[in-house]
Amino acid sequence: MIITVTSGDDERLLRTIIDVQRAINNAEPAANAVMRIIADQALAATHATGAVVELAEDDELVYTVAAGSLKGIEGMRLALDGSLSGLSVRTGQVLVSQDTDADSRVDREACHRANARSIICVPLRHTHRTEGVLQVMSDRPQAFDEGDVLILEQLAEFIATALRRAAIMDERERAASTDGLTGLANRQAFLAGLDRAIATASTGMHVAAVLYFDLDGFKPINDAYGHAVGDEVLREVGHRVAAECRAPDMAARIGGDEFAMLLIDSEHRNIVDRRDDLMTLVSGQIPTRAGLMRIDVSCGMAIVSGADLAESVLVRADAAMYAAKRSKYGAGGSRRRFRSSR
């Protein structure tokens, strides 16, 4: 598309950018807050009847933030195929429909529901991907001009910057709360999740318990085969624990070969059965480059009450785990066993 910019367009663009910068400076820097500001400013600057930020999710577009006549439809989903915004995502191009009644690229049924006769879709580019579109619509055909397109392209850059910052913050937060070897939560994140479970327990809404378990025989694996094989064992245990973890449950590697899991009781399976199933799963054969390893597991459990502290729950579960170990191995409960087969 060739854009002819007039001095009036320049003035309108500059005024819009100043208004956006001022609004962003006075708002939270979160991506959702920026998108809401942009939707409102896009509506005002182009004299549209509706504006929306649609983000791509798998093969759908999700109405994430909306303004004007589209306000209140947040959360609605549309298929990527068969819509102008979906085409904009797939091609990464700015697309304009000056009359949706005569445009085969649009979802006419959706346009009629939204009373959209004119549409501009500007792709939101994040790194090398198109994450969604900024879209404005009008109930009149031929409602937009090149100056409107230019304004929306500049506004889309604000959203792209916000998405980049959000992705960086998410990655930093994930790195700070995740065990790098297994991908499970780390101790700090687990304690934070346990604090939330304690607050819920104080309302009497759920029964929760913490499992604390370690791998009997892990140290001899490290000694006999090296840390690379030991890491394979830990990663596989982490994968098995994660496979059994469903929200609002939470699993973590506390450190070394020690793991914890927060279980929220459900009407389908009680905590004791879930503990037994998990221990059976974890103690199954583990394939490594040195052959199949089978390790035993010692597990302790502590029930969460609303008057607890997170650290105290973890200490109780840890103590119960060592009591279980002594029961299996006697006074020398710290002795570890492992078996391997090639």
C-alpha atoms as a PDB file:
ATOM      1  CA  MET A   1       0.000   0.000   0.000  1.00  0.00           C
ATOM      2  CA  ILE A   2       1.373   3.445  -0.933  1.00  0.00           C
ATOM      3  CA  ILE A   3       0.720   6.008   1.792  1.00  0.00           C
ATOM      4  CA  THR A   4       0.529   9.678   0.962  1.00  0.00           C
ATOM      5  CA  VAL A   5       1.156  11.657   4.125  1.00  0.00           C
ATOM      6  CA  THR A   6      -0.133  15.219   4.428  1.00  0.00           C
ATOM      7  CA  SER A   7       0.849  17.872   6.963  1.00  0.00           C
ATOM      8  CA  GLY A   8      -2.503  17.280   8.633  1.00  0.00           C
ATOM      9  CA  ASP A   9      -1.679  13.594   8.983  1.00  0.00           C
ATOM     10  CA  ASP A  10       1.694  14.497  10.503  1.00  0.00           C
ATOM     11  CA  GLU A  11       0.040  16.733  13.069  1.00  0.00           C
ATOM     12  CA  ARG A  12      -2.596  14.121  13.909  1.00  0.00           C
ATOM     13  CA  LEU A  13       0.063  11.405  14.261  1.00  0.00           C
ATOM     14  CA  LEU A  14       2.246  13.569  16.503  1.00  0.00           C
ATOM     15  CA  ARG A  15      -0.700  14.487  18.708  1.00  0.00           C
ATOM     16  CA  THR A  16      -1.716  10.825  19.007  1.00  0.00           C
ATOM     17  CA  ILE A  17       1.809   9.691  19.926  1.00  0.00           C
ATOM     18  CA  ILE A  18       2.070  12.407  22.594  1.00  0.00           C
ATOM     19  CA  ASP A  19      -1.297  11.352  24.057  1.00  0.00           C
ATOM     20  CA  VAL A  20      -0.247   7.684  24.060  1.00  0.00           C
ATOM     21  CA  GLN A  21       3.102   8.394  25.706  1.00  0.00           C
ATOM     22  CA  ARG A  22       1.426  10.477  28.387  1.00  0.00           C
ATOM     23  CA  ALA A  23      -1.165   7.758  29.071  1.00  0.00           C
ATOM     24  CA  ILE A  24       1.473   5.004  29.216  1.00  0.00           C
ATOM     25  CA  ASN A  25       3.637   7.063  31.575  1.00  0.00           C
ATOM     26  CA  ASN A  26       0.668   7.417  33.939  1.00  0.00           C
ATOM     27  CA  ALA A  27      -0.345   3.758  33.733  1.00  0.00           C
ATOM     28  CA  GLU A  28       1.023   0.360  34.697  1.00  0.00           C
ATOM     29  CA  PRO A  29       3.728  -0.805  32.274  1.00  0.00           C
ATOM     30  CA  ALA A  30       2.048  -4.211  31.891  1.00  0.00           C
ATOM     31  CA  ALA A  31       1.229  -5.324  28.348  1.00  0.00           C
ATOM     32  CA  ASN A  32      -2.539  -5.460  28.986  1.00  0.00           C
ATOM     33  CA  ALA A  33      -2.552  -1.871  30.266  1.00  0.00           C
ATOM     34  CA  VAL A  34      -0.637  -0.686  27.185  1.00  0.00           C
ATOM     35  CA  MET A  35      -3.005  -2.563  24.853  1.00  0.00           C
ATOM     36  CA  ARG A  36      -6.007  -0.957  26.529  1.00  0.00           C
ATOM     37  CA  ILE A  37      -4.498   2.515  26.086  1.00  0.00           C
ATOM     38  CA  ILE A  38      -3.726   1.786  22.428  1.00  0.00           C
ATOM     39  CA  ALA A  39      -7.249   0.522  21.729  1.00  0.00           C
ATOM     40  CA  ASP A  40      -8.751   3.683  23.232  1.00  0.00           C
ATOM     41  CA  GLN A  41      -6.338   5.944  21.334  1.00  0.00           C
ATOM     42  CA  ALA A  42      -6.861   4.067  18.056  1.00  0.00           C
ATOM     43  CA  LEU A  43     -10.602   4.566  18.449  1.00  0.00           C
ATOM     44  CA  ALA A  44     -10.245   8.296  19.055  1.00  0.00           C
ATOM     45  CA  ALA A  45      -7.539   9.026  16.489  1.00  0.00           C
ATOM     46  CA  THR A  46      -9.267   7.288  13.551  1.00  0.00           C
ATOM     47  CA  HIS A  47     -12.849   8.180  14.530  1.00  0.00           C
ATOM     48  CA  ALA A  48     -13.687   4.471  14.416  1.00  0.00           C
ATOM     49  CA  THR A  49     -16.738   2.975  16.064  1.00  0.00           C
ATOM     50  CA  GLY A  50     -14.821   0.018  17.497  1.00  0.00           C
ATOM     51  CA  ALA A  51     -11.223  -1.047  18.159  1.00  0.00           C
ATOM     52  CA  VAL A  52      -9.780  -4.342  19.281  1.00  0.00           C
ATOM     53  CA  VAL A  53      -6.442  -6.030  19.930  1.00  0.00           C
ATOM     54  CA  GLU A  54      -6.609  -9.646  18.788  1.00  0.00           C
ATOM     55  CA  LEU A  55      -3.818 -12.032  19.814  1.00  0.00           C
ATOM     56  CA  ALA A  56      -3.131 -15.285  18.007  1.00  0.00           C
ATOM     57  CA  GLU A  57      -3.451 -18.488  20.009  1.00  0.00           C
ATOM     58  CA  ASP A  58      -2.915 -21.714  18.065  1.00  0.00           C
ATOM     59  CA  ASP A  59      -5.363 -21.510  15.138  1.00  0.00           C
ATOM     60  CA  GLU A  60      -7.584 -18.855  16.718  1.00  0.00           C
ATOM     61  CA  LEU A  61      -7.598 -15.132  17.415  1.00  0.00           C
ATOM     62  CA  VAL A  62      -8.590 -14.017  20.907  1.00  0.00           C
ATOM     63  CA  TYR A  63     -10.214 -10.626  21.438  1.00  0.00           C
ATOM     64  CA  THR A  64      -7.898  -9.493  24.233  1.00  0.00           C
ATOM     65  CA  VAL A  65      -8.738  -5.778  24.658  1.00  0.00           C
ATOM     66  CA  ALA A  66     -11.637  -3.899  23.050  1.00  0.00           C
ATOM     67  CA  ALA A  67     -12.963  -0.354  22.948  1.00  0.00           C
ATOM     68  CA  GLY A  68     -15.998   1.502  21.613  1.00  0.00           C
ATOM     69  CA  SER A  69     -18.770  -0.632  20.137  1.00  0.00           C
ATOM     70  CA  LEU A  70     -16.685  -3.773  20.696  1.00  0.00           C
ATOM     71  CA  LYS A  71     -16.220  -3.213  24.421  1.00  0.00           C
ATOM     72  CA  GLY A  72     -17.368  -6.185  26.454  1.00  0.00           C
ATOM     73  CA  ILE A  73     -16.494  -8.887  23.923  1.00  0.00           C
ATOM     74  CA  GLU A  74     -13.067  -9.610  25.415  1.00  0.00           C
ATOM     75  CA  GLY A  75     -12.353 -13.322  25.427  1.00  0.00           C
ATOM     76  CA  MET A  76     -14.287 -14.057  22.234  1.00  0.00           C
ATOM     77  CA  ARG A  77     -12.435 -16.335  19.812  1.00  0.00           C
ATOM     78  CA  LEU A  78     -12.443 -16.423  16.034  1.00  0.00           C
ATOM     79  CA  ALA A  79     -10.801 -18.888  13.689  1.00  0.00           C
ATOM     80  CA  LEU A  80      -7.692 -17.585  11.927  1.00  0.00           C
ATOM     81  CA  ASP A  81      -9.033 -18.849   8.640  1.00  0.00           C
ATOM     82  CA  GLY A  82     -11.707 -16.871   6.867  1.00  0.00           C
ATOM     83  CA  SER A  83     -11.201 -13.430   8.427  1.00  0.00           C
ATOM     84  CA  LEU A  84      -9.310 -10.295   7.449  1.00  0.00           C
ATOM     85  CA  SER A  85      -7.481 -10.191  10.774  1.00  0.00           C
ATOM     86  CA  GLY A  86      -6.452 -13.836  10.370  1.00  0.00           C
ATOM     87  CA  LEU A  87      -5.121 -13.067   6.893  1.00  0.00           C
ATOM     88  CA  SER A  88      -3.171 -10.138   8.332  1.00  0.00           C
ATOM     89  CA  VAL A  89      -1.586 -12.462  10.920  1.00  0.00           C
ATOM     90  CA  ARG A  90      -0.667 -15.079   8.322  1.00  0.00           C
ATOM     91  CA  THR A  91       0.795 -12.606   5.814  1.00  0.00           C
ATOM     92  CA  GLY A  92       2.178 -10.015   8.229  1.00  0.00           C
ATOM     93  CA  GLN A  93       0.634  -7.277   6.066  1.00  0.00           C
ATOM     94  CA  VAL A  94      -1.541  -4.254   6.788  1.00  0.00           C
ATOM     95  CA  LEU A  95      -4.961  -4.986   5.283  1.00  0.00           C
ATOM     96  CA  VAL A  96      -7.813  -2.572   4.640  1.00  0.00           C
ATOM     97  CA  SER A  97     -11.391  -3.306   3.662  1.00  0.00           C
ATOM     98  CA  GLN A  98     -13.287  -0.202   2.654  1.00  0.00           C
ATOM     99  CA  ASP A  99     -16.551  -2.115   2.184  1.00  0.00           C
ATOM    100  CA  THR A 100     -16.929  -5.480   3.912  1.00  0.00           C
ATOM    101  CA  ASP A 101     -20.150  -6.230   2.037  1.00  0.00           C
ATOM    102  CA  ALA A 102     -18.130  -6.479  -1.168  1.00  0.00           C
ATOM    103  CA  ASP A 103     -14.931  -8.024   0.217  1.00  0.00           C
ATOM    104  CA  SER A 104     -14.452 -11.800  -0.017  1.00  0.00           C
ATOM    105  CA  ARG A 105     -11.540 -11.731   2.449  1.00  0.00           C
ATOM    106  CA  VAL A 106     -13.669 -10.890   5.470  1.00  0.00           C
ATOM    107  CA  ASP A 107     -15.875 -12.990   7.717  1.00  0.00           C
ATOM    108  CA  ARG A 108     -19.114 -11.339   6.594  1.00  0.00           C
ATOM    109  CA  GLU A 109     -21.241 -12.893   9.312  1.00  0.00           C
ATOM    110  CA  ALA A 110     -18.896 -11.563  12.018  1.00  0.00           C
ATOM    111  CA  CYS A 111     -18.808  -8.165  10.290  1.00  0.00           C
ATOM    112  CA  HIS A 112     -22.593  -7.979  10.224  1.00  0.00           C
ATOM    113  CA  ARG A 113     -22.772  -8.880  13.924  1.00  0.00           C
ATOM    114  CA  ALA A 114     -20.255  -6.142  14.738  1.00  0.00           C
ATOM    115  CA  ASN A 115     -21.817  -3.699  12.236  1.00  0.00           C
ATOM    116  CA  ALA A 116     -18.389  -3.309  10.617  1.00  0.00           C
ATOM    117  CA  ARG A 117     -18.516  -1.871   7.101  1.00  0.00           C
ATOM    118  CA  SER A 118     -14.878  -0.652   7.040  1.00  0.00           C
ATOM    119  CA  ILE A 119     -11.885  -2.362   8.682  1.00  0.00           C
ATOM    120  CA  ILE A 120      -8.164  -1.770   9.088  1.00  0.00           C
ATOM    121  CA  CYS A 121      -5.987  -4.626  10.392  1.00  0.00           C
ATOM    122  CA  VAL A 122      -2.384  -3.872  11.381  1.00  0.00           C
ATOM    123  CA  PRO A 123      -0.188  -6.864  12.337  1.00  0.00           C
ATOM    124  CA  LEU A 124       1.542  -6.928  15.732  1.00  0.00           C
ATOM    125  CA  ARG A 125       5.061  -8.152  15.103  1.00  0.00           C
ATOM    126  CA  HIS A 126       7.075  -9.564  18.002  1.00  0.00           C
ATOM    127  CA  THR A 127      10.602 -10.773  17.149  1.00  0.00           C
ATOM    128  CA  HIS A 128      10.116 -12.771  13.937  1.00  0.00           C
ATOM    129  CA  ARG A 129       6.472 -13.655  14.519  1.00  0.00           C
ATOM    130  CA  THR A 130       3.154 -11.899  14.047  1.00  0.00           C
ATOM    131  CA  GLU A 131       1.417 -12.190  17.416  1.00  0.00           C
ATOM    132  CA  GLY A 132      -1.927 -10.705  16.426  1.00  0.00           C
ATOM    133  CA  VAL A 133      -3.511  -7.559  15.023  1.00  0.00           C
ATOM    134  CA  LEU A 134      -4.640  -4.124  16.029  1.00  0.00           C
ATOM    135  CA  GLN A 135      -7.985  -3.623  14.303  1.00  0.00           C
ATOM    136  CA  VAL A 136     -10.360  -0.707  13.987  1.00  0.00           C
ATOM    137  CA  MET A 137     -13.783  -0.758  12.348  1.00  0.00           C
ATOM    138  CA  SER A 138     -16.486   1.666  11.359  1.00  0.00           C
ATOM    139  CA  ASP A 139     -20.178   1.278  10.650  1.00  0.00           C
ATOM    140  CA  ARG A 140     -19.649   3.315   7.449  1.00  0.00           C
ATOM    141  CA  PRO A 141     -17.997   2.154   4.208  1.00  0.00           C
ATOM    142  CA  GLN A 142     -14.961   4.122   2.991  1.00  0.00           C
ATOM    143  CA  ALA A 143     -14.455   5.418   6.525  1.00  0.00           C
ATOM    144  CA  PHE A 144     -10.640   5.303   6.700  1.00  0.00           C
ATOM    145  CA  ASP A 145      -7.768   6.877   4.794  1.00  0.00           C
ATOM    146  CA  GLU A 146      -3.991   6.520   4.531  1.00  0.00           C
ATOM    147  CA  GLY A 147      -3.463   8.761   7.537  1.00  0.00           C
ATOM    148  CA  ASP A 148      -5.466   6.329   9.681  1.00  0.00           C
ATOM    149  CA  VAL A 149      -3.277   3.465   8.492  1.00  0.00           C
ATOM    150  CA  LEU A 150      -0.135   5.395   9.392  1.00  0.00           C
ATOM    151  CA  ILE A 151      -1.425   6.140  12.891  1.00  0.00           C
ATOM    152  CA  LEU A 152      -2.351   2.508  13.505  1.00  0.00           C
ATOM    153  CA  GLU A 153       1.065   1.310  12.346  1.00  0.00           C
ATOM    154  CA  GLN A 154       2.713   3.594  14.878  1.00  0.00           C
ATOM    155  CA  LEU A 155       0.324   2.507  17.639  1.00  0.00           C
ATOM    156  CA  ALA A 156       1.023  -1.147  16.816  1.00  0.00           C
ATOM    157  CA  GLU A 157       4.698  -0.483  17.580  1.00  0.00           C
ATOM    158  CA  PHE A 158       3.774   0.479  21.138  1.00  0.00           C
ATOM    159  CA  ILE A 159       1.992  -2.856  21.559  1.00  0.00           C
ATOM    160  CA  ALA A 160       4.898  -4.774  20.026  1.00  0.00           C
ATOM    161  CA  THR A 161       7.297  -3.092  22.460  1.00  0.00           C
ATOM    162  CA  ALA A 162       4.994  -3.937  25.385  1.00  0.00           C
ATOM    163  CA  LEU A 163       4.810  -7.583  24.256  1.00  0.00           C
ATOM    164  CA  ARG A 164       8.605  -7.759  24.006  1.00  0.00           C
ATOM    165  CA  ARG A 165       8.984  -6.359  27.505  1.00  0.00           C
ATOM    166  CA  ALA A 166       6.339  -8.742  28.838  1.00  0.00           C
ATOM    167  CA  ALA A 167       8.119 -11.714  27.243  1.00  0.00           C
ATOM    168  CA  ILE A 168      11.426 -10.656  28.816  1.00  0.00           C
ATOM    169  CA  MET A 169       9.800 -10.221  32.229  1.00  0.00           C
ATOM    170  CA  ASP A 170       8.030 -13.580  31.925  1.00  0.00           C
ATOM    171  CA  GLU A 171      11.307 -15.277  31.044  1.00  0.00           C
ATOM    172  CA  ARG A 172      13.099 -13.651  33.973  1.00  0.00           C
ATOM    173  CA  GLU A 173      10.297 -14.625  36.330  1.00  0.00           C
ATOM    174  CA  ARG A 174      10.269 -18.159  34.973  1.00  0.00           C
ATOM    175  CA  ALA A 175      14.046 -18.463  35.369  1.00  0.00           C
ATOM    176  CA  ALA A 176      13.859 -17.131  38.927  1.00  0.00           C
ATOM    177  CA  SER A 177      11.151 -19.598  39.939  1.00  0.00           C
ATOM    178  CA  THR A 178      12.110 -22.719  37.967  1.00  0.00           C
ATOM    179  CA  ASP A 179      14.636 -25.476  38.560  1.00  0.00           C
ATOM    180  CA  GLY A 180      16.883 -25.401  35.518  1.00  0.00           C
ATOM    181  CA  LEU A 181      17.475 -29.164  35.370  1.00  0.00           C
ATOM    182  CA  THR A 182      13.959 -30.569  35.724  1.00  0.00           C
ATOM    183  CA  GLY A 183      11.737 -27.650  34.725  1.00  0.00           C
ATOM    184  CA  LEU A 184       9.787 -27.979  37.991  1.00  0.00           C
ATOM    185  CA  ALA A 185       9.305 -25.100  40.403  1.00  0.00           C
ATOM    186  CA  ASN A 186      12.232 -24.341  42.695  1.00  0.00           C
ATOM    187  CA  ARG A 187      12.093 -24.149  46.490  1.00  0.00           C
ATOM    188  CA  GLN A 188      11.268 -20.437  46.577  1.00  0.00           C
ATOM    189  CA  ALA A 189       8.394 -20.764  44.109  1.00  0.00           C
ATOM    190  CA  PHE A 190       7.074 -23.835  45.931  1.00  0.00           C
ATOM    191  CA  LEU A 191       6.963 -21.990  49.247  1.00  0.00           C
ATOM    192  CA  ALA A 192       5.078 -19.132  47.572  1.00  0.00           C
ATOM    193  CA  GLY A 193       2.543 -21.612  46.174  1.00  0.00           C
ATOM    194  CA  LEU A 194       2.273 -23.273  49.571  1.00  0.00           C
ATOM    195  CA  ASP A 195       1.532 -19.884  51.158  1.00  0.00           C
ATOM    196  CA  ARG A 196      -1.399 -19.507  48.762  1.00  0.00           C
ATOM    197  CA  ALA A 197      -2.655 -23.002  49.629  1.00  0.00           C
ATOM    198  CA  ILE A 198      -2.479 -22.155  53.346  1.00  0.00           C
ATOM    199  CA  ALA A 199      -4.585 -19.044  52.776  1.00  0.00           C
ATOM    200  CA  THR A 200      -7.164 -21.177  50.949  1.00  0.00           C
ATOM    201  CA  ALA A 201      -7.080 -23.829  53.681  1.00  0.00           C
ATOM    202  CA  SER A 202      -7.941 -21.164  56.245  1.00  0.00           C
ATOM    203  CA  THR A 203     -11.292 -20.710  54.478  1.00  0.00           C
ATOM    204  CA  GLY A 204     -12.027 -24.446  54.719  1.00  0.00           C
ATOM    205  CA  MET A 205     -12.508 -24.710  50.964  1.00  0.00           C
ATOM    206  CA  HIS A 206      -9.944 -27.459  50.279  1.00  0.00           C
ATOM    207  CA  VAL A 207      -7.840 -30.106  51.976  1.00  0.00           C
ATOM    208  CA  ALA A 208      -4.192 -29.870  50.960  1.00  0.00           C
ATOM    209  CA  ALA A 209      -1.080 -31.908  51.737  1.00  0.00           C
ATOM    210  CA  VAL A 210       2.620 -31.665  50.975  1.00  0.00           C
ATOM    211  CA  LEU A 211       4.595 -34.714  49.872  1.00  0.00           C
ATOM    212  CA  TYR A 212       8.341 -34.561  50.468  1.00  0.00           C
ATOM    213  CA  PHE A 213      10.364 -37.346  48.899  1.00  0.00           C
ATOM    214  CA  ASP A 214      13.899 -38.206  47.939  1.00  0.00           C
ATOM    215  CA  LEU A 215      15.551 -40.893  45.850  1.00  0.00           C
ATOM    216  CA  ASP A 216      17.109 -43.785  47.786  1.00  0.00           C
ATOM    217  CA  GLY A 217      20.194 -44.856  45.903  1.00  0.00           C
ATOM    218  CA  PHE A 218      20.841 -41.649  44.013  1.00  0.00           C
ATOM    219  CA  LYS A 219      24.286 -40.874  45.456  1.00  0.00           C
ATOM    220  CA  PRO A 220      25.733 -44.244  44.410  1.00  0.00           C
ATOM    221  CA  ILE A 221      24.494 -43.593  40.864  1.00  0.00           C
ATOM    222  CA  ASN A 222      26.420 -40.334  40.791  1.00  0.00           C
ATOM    223  CA  ASP A 223      29.480 -42.027  42.307  1.00  0.00           C
ATOM    224  CA  ALA A 224      29.421 -45.028  39.966  1.00  0.00           C
ATOM    225  CA  TYR A 225      28.363 -43.430  36.670  1.00  0.00           C
ATOM    226  CA  GLY A 226      28.994 -39.701  37.040  1.00  0.00           C
ATOM    227  CA  HIS A 227      26.834 -36.616  37.290  1.00  0.00           C
ATOM    228  CA  ALA A 228      25.661 -36.779  33.672  1.00  0.00           C
ATOM    229  CA  VAL A 229      23.828 -40.044  34.381  1.00  0.00           C
ATOM    230  CA  GLY A 230      22.627 -38.668  37.712  1.00  0.00           C
ATOM    231  CA  ASP A 231      21.164 -35.674  35.878  1.00  0.00           C
ATOM    232  CA  GLU A 232      19.337 -38.032  33.497  1.00  0.00           C
ATOM    233  CA  VAL A 233      17.719 -39.705  36.499  1.00  0.00           C
ATOM    234  CA  LEU A 234      16.702 -36.379  38.035  1.00  0.00           C
ATOM    235  CA  ARG A 235      15.273 -35.081  34.754  1.00  0.00           C
ATOM    236  CA  GLU A 236      13.217 -38.240  34.256  1.00  0.00           C
ATOM    237  CA  VAL A 237      11.896 -38.076  37.815  1.00  0.00           C
ATOM    238  CA  GLY A 238      10.981 -34.431  37.176  1.00  0.00           C
ATOM    239  CA  HIS A 239       9.108 -35.385  33.990  1.00  0.00           C
ATOM    240  CA  ARG A 240       7.164 -38.109  35.798  1.00  0.00           C
ATOM    241  CA  VAL A 241       6.235 -35.816  38.658  1.00  0.00           C
ATOM    242  CA  ALA A 242       5.179 -33.071  36.232  1.00  0.00           C
ATOM    243  CA  ALA A 243       2.997 -35.565  34.352  1.00  0.00           C
ATOM    244  CA  GLU A 244       1.042 -36.223  37.551  1.00  0.00           C
ATOM    245  CA  CYS A 245       0.731 -32.544  38.451  1.00  0.00           C
ATOM    246  CA  ARG A 246      -2.514 -30.810  37.551  1.00  0.00           C
ATOM    247  CA  ALA A 247      -3.521 -27.291  38.600  1.00  0.00           C
ATOM    248  CA  PRO A 248      -3.962 -26.312  41.378  1.00  0.00           C
ATOM    249  CA  ASP A 249      -1.352 -28.939  42.378  1.00  0.00           C
ATOM    250  CA  MET A 250       2.293 -27.897  42.329  1.00  0.00           C
ATOM    251  CA  ALA A 251       5.560 -29.824  42.055  1.00  0.00           C
ATOM    252  CA  ALA A 252       9.111 -28.718  42.832  1.00  0.00           C
ATOM    253  CA  ARG A 253      12.668 -29.882  43.066  1.00  0.00           C
ATOM    254  CA  ILE A 254      13.754 -28.650  46.468  1.00  0.00           C
ATOM    255  CA  GLY A 255      17.419 -29.435  45.927  1.00  0.00           C
ATOM    256  CA  GLY A 256      19.713 -32.351  45.115  1.00  0.00           C
ATOM    257  CA  ASP A 257      17.553 -35.460  44.864  1.00  0.00           C
ATOM    258  CA  GLU A 258      14.761 -34.044  47.040  1.00  0.00           C
ATOM    259  CA  PHE A 259      11.362 -33.189  45.589  1.00  0.00           C
ATOM    260  CA  ALA A 260       8.078 -31.848  46.945  1.00  0.00           C
ATOM    261  CA  MET A 261       4.533 -31.860  45.676  1.00  0.00           C
ATOM    262  CA  LEU A 262       1.533 -29.885  46.867  1.00  0.00           C
ATOM    263  CA  LEU A 263      -1.654 -31.905  46.419  1.00  0.00           C
ATOM    264  CA  ILE A 264      -5.129 -30.421  46.595  1.00  0.00           C
ATOM    265  CA  ASP A 265      -7.780 -33.017  47.427  1.00  0.00           C
ATOM    266  CA  SER A 266     -10.428 -33.546  44.775  1.00  0.00           C
ATOM    267  CA  GLU A 267     -13.728 -35.368  44.725  1.00  0.00           C
ATOM    268  CA  HIS A 268     -12.291 -37.867  42.231  1.00  0.00           C
ATOM    269  CA  ARG A 269      -9.108 -39.053  43.966  1.00  0.00           C
ATOM    270  CA  ASN A 270      -8.015 -38.711  47.570  1.00  0.00           C
ATOM    271  CA  ILE A 271      -4.555 -37.587  48.597  1.00  0.00           C
ATOM    272  CA  VAL A 272      -3.348 -40.951  49.912  1.00  0.00           C
ATOM    273  CA  ASP A 273      -4.188 -42.724  46.642  1.00  0.00           C
ATOM    274  CA  ARG A 274      -2.497 -39.991  44.653  1.00  0.00           C
ATOM    275  CA  ARG A 275       0.603 -40.239  46.822  1.00  0.00           C
ATOM    276  CA  ASP A 276       0.809 -43.999  46.330  1.00  0.00           C
ATOM    277  CA  ASP A 277       0.340 -43.713  42.567  1.00  0.00           C
ATOM    278  CA  LEU A 278       3.016 -41.017  42.346  1.00  0.00           C
ATOM    279  CA  MET A 279       5.542 -43.045  44.335  1.00  0.00           C
ATOM    280  CA  THR A 280       4.924 -46.079  42.117  1.00  0.00           C
ATOM    281  CA  LEU A 281       5.444 -43.971  39.015  1.00  0.00           C
ATOM    282  CA  VAL A 282       8.656 -42.344  40.268  1.00  0.00           C
ATOM    283  CA  SER A 283      10.236 -45.606  41.401  1.00  0.00           C
ATOM    284  CA  GLY A 284       9.802 -47.315  38.026  1.00  0.00           C
ATOM    285  CA  GLN A 285      12.765 -48.154  35.793  1.00  0.00           C
ATOM    286  CA  ILE A 286      14.627 -45.142  34.436  1.00  0.00           C
ATOM    287  CA  PRO A 287      16.517 -45.459  31.127  1.00  0.00           C
ATOM    288  CA  THR A 288      19.944 -43.812  31.066  1.00  0.00           C
ATOM    289  CA  ARG A 289      23.054 -43.990  28.905  1.00  0.00           C
ATOM    290  CA  ALA A 290      24.482 -46.371  31.528  1.00  0.00           C
ATOM    291  CA  GLY A 291      21.478 -48.707  31.351  1.00  0.00           C
ATOM    292  CA  LEU A 292      18.185 -49.020  33.216  1.00  0.00           C
ATOM    293  CA  MET A 293      18.183 -47.665  36.755  1.00  0.00           C
ATOM    294  CA  ARG A 294      15.616 -48.472  39.388  1.00  0.00           C
ATOM    295  CA  ILE A 295      15.631 -46.393  42.543  1.00  0.00           C
ATOM    296  CA  ASP A 296      13.573 -46.569  45.690  1.00  0.00           C
ATOM    297  CA  VAL A 297      11.695 -43.556  47.024  1.00  0.00           C
ATOM    298  CA  SER A 298      11.134 -42.433  50.592  1.00  0.00           C
ATOM    299  CA  CYS A 299       8.186 -40.105  51.075  1.00  0.00           C
ATOM    300  CA  GLY A 300       6.731 -38.115  53.944  1.00  0.00           C
ATOM    301  CA  MET A 301       3.449 -36.237  54.041  1.00  0.00           C
ATOM    302  CA  ALA A 302       2.179 -33.235  56.016  1.00  0.00           C
ATOM    303  CA  ILE A 303      -1.395 -31.954  56.022  1.00  0.00           C
ATOM    304  CA  VAL A 304      -1.769 -28.201  55.456  1.00  0.00           C
ATOM    305  CA  SER A 305      -3.839 -26.169  57.898  1.00  0.00           C
ATOM    306  CA  GLY A 306      -4.883 -22.546  57.752  1.00  0.00           C
ATOM    307  CA  ALA A 307      -2.727 -21.687  60.761  1.00  0.00           C
ATOM    308  CA  ASP A 308       0.504 -23.018  59.225  1.00  0.00           C
ATOM    309  CA  LEU A 309       3.627 -21.350  57.957  1.00  0.00           C
ATOM    310  CA  ALA A 310       4.921 -22.666  54.637  1.00  0.00           C
ATOM    311  CA  GLU A 311       8.371 -23.492  56.017  1.00  0.00           C
ATOM    312  CA  SER A 312       6.894 -25.383  58.956  1.00  0.00           C
ATOM    313  CA  VAL A 313       4.774 -27.555  56.629  1.00  0.00           C
ATOM    314  CA  LEU A 314       7.880 -28.384  54.605  1.00  0.00           C
ATOM    315  CA  VAL A 315       9.835 -29.220  57.768  1.00  0.00           C
ATOM    316  CA  ARG A 316       7.076 -31.576  58.955  1.00  0.00           C
ATOM    317  CA  ALA A 317       6.925 -33.328  55.602  1.00  0.00           C
ATOM    318  CA  ASP A 318      10.728 -33.613  55.554  1.00  0.00           C
ATOM    319  CA  ALA A 319      10.713 -35.139  59.053  1.00  0.00           C
ATOM    320  CA  ALA A 320       8.014 -37.609  58.004  1.00  0.00           C
ATOM    321  CA  MET A 321      10.133 -38.582  55.006  1.00  0.00           C
ATOM    322  CA  TYR A 322      13.142 -39.410  57.187  1.00  0.00           C
ATOM    323  CA  ALA A 323      10.887 -41.350  59.562  1.00  0.00           C
ATOM    324  CA  ALA A 324       9.713 -43.422  56.576  1.00  0.00           C
ATOM    325  CA  LYS A 325      13.326 -43.962  55.559  1.00  0.00           C
ATOM    326  CA  ARG A 326      14.267 -45.200  59.048  1.00  0.00           C
ATOM    327  CA  SER A 327      11.289 -47.520  58.983  1.00  0.00           C
ATOM    328  CA  LYS A 328      12.557 -49.072  55.733  1.00  0.00           C
ATOM    329  CA  TYR A 329      16.262 -49.189  56.451  1.00  0.00           C
ATOM    330  CA  GLY A 330      16.495 -49.136  60.236  1.00  0.00           C
ATOM    331  CA  ALA A 331      18.632 -46.746  62.259  1.00  0.00           C
ATOM    332  CA  GLY A 332      21.006 -46.349  59.311  1.00  0.00           C
ATOM    333  CA  GLY A 333      18.191 -44.813  57.317  1.00  0.00           C
ATOM    334  CA  SER A 334      20.546 -42.616  55.372  1.00  0.00           C
ATOM    335  CA  ARG A 335      21.850 -45.699  53.539  1.00  0.00           C
ATOM    336  CA  ARG A 336      20.824 -45.525  49.876  1.00  0.00           C
ATOM    337  CA  ARG A 337      20.145 -48.354  47.455  1.00  0.00           C
ATOM    338  CA  PHE A 338      20.029 -48.543  43.714  1.00  0.00           C
ATOM    339  CA  ARG A 339      19.920 -51.201  41.082  1.00  0.00           C
ATOM    340  CA  SER A 340      21.014 -51.015  37.471  1.00  0.00           C
ATOM    341  CA  SER A 341      20.768 -53.329  34.519  1.00  0.00           C
ATOM    342  CA  ARG A 342      22.461 -53.024  31.173  1.00  0.00           C
END
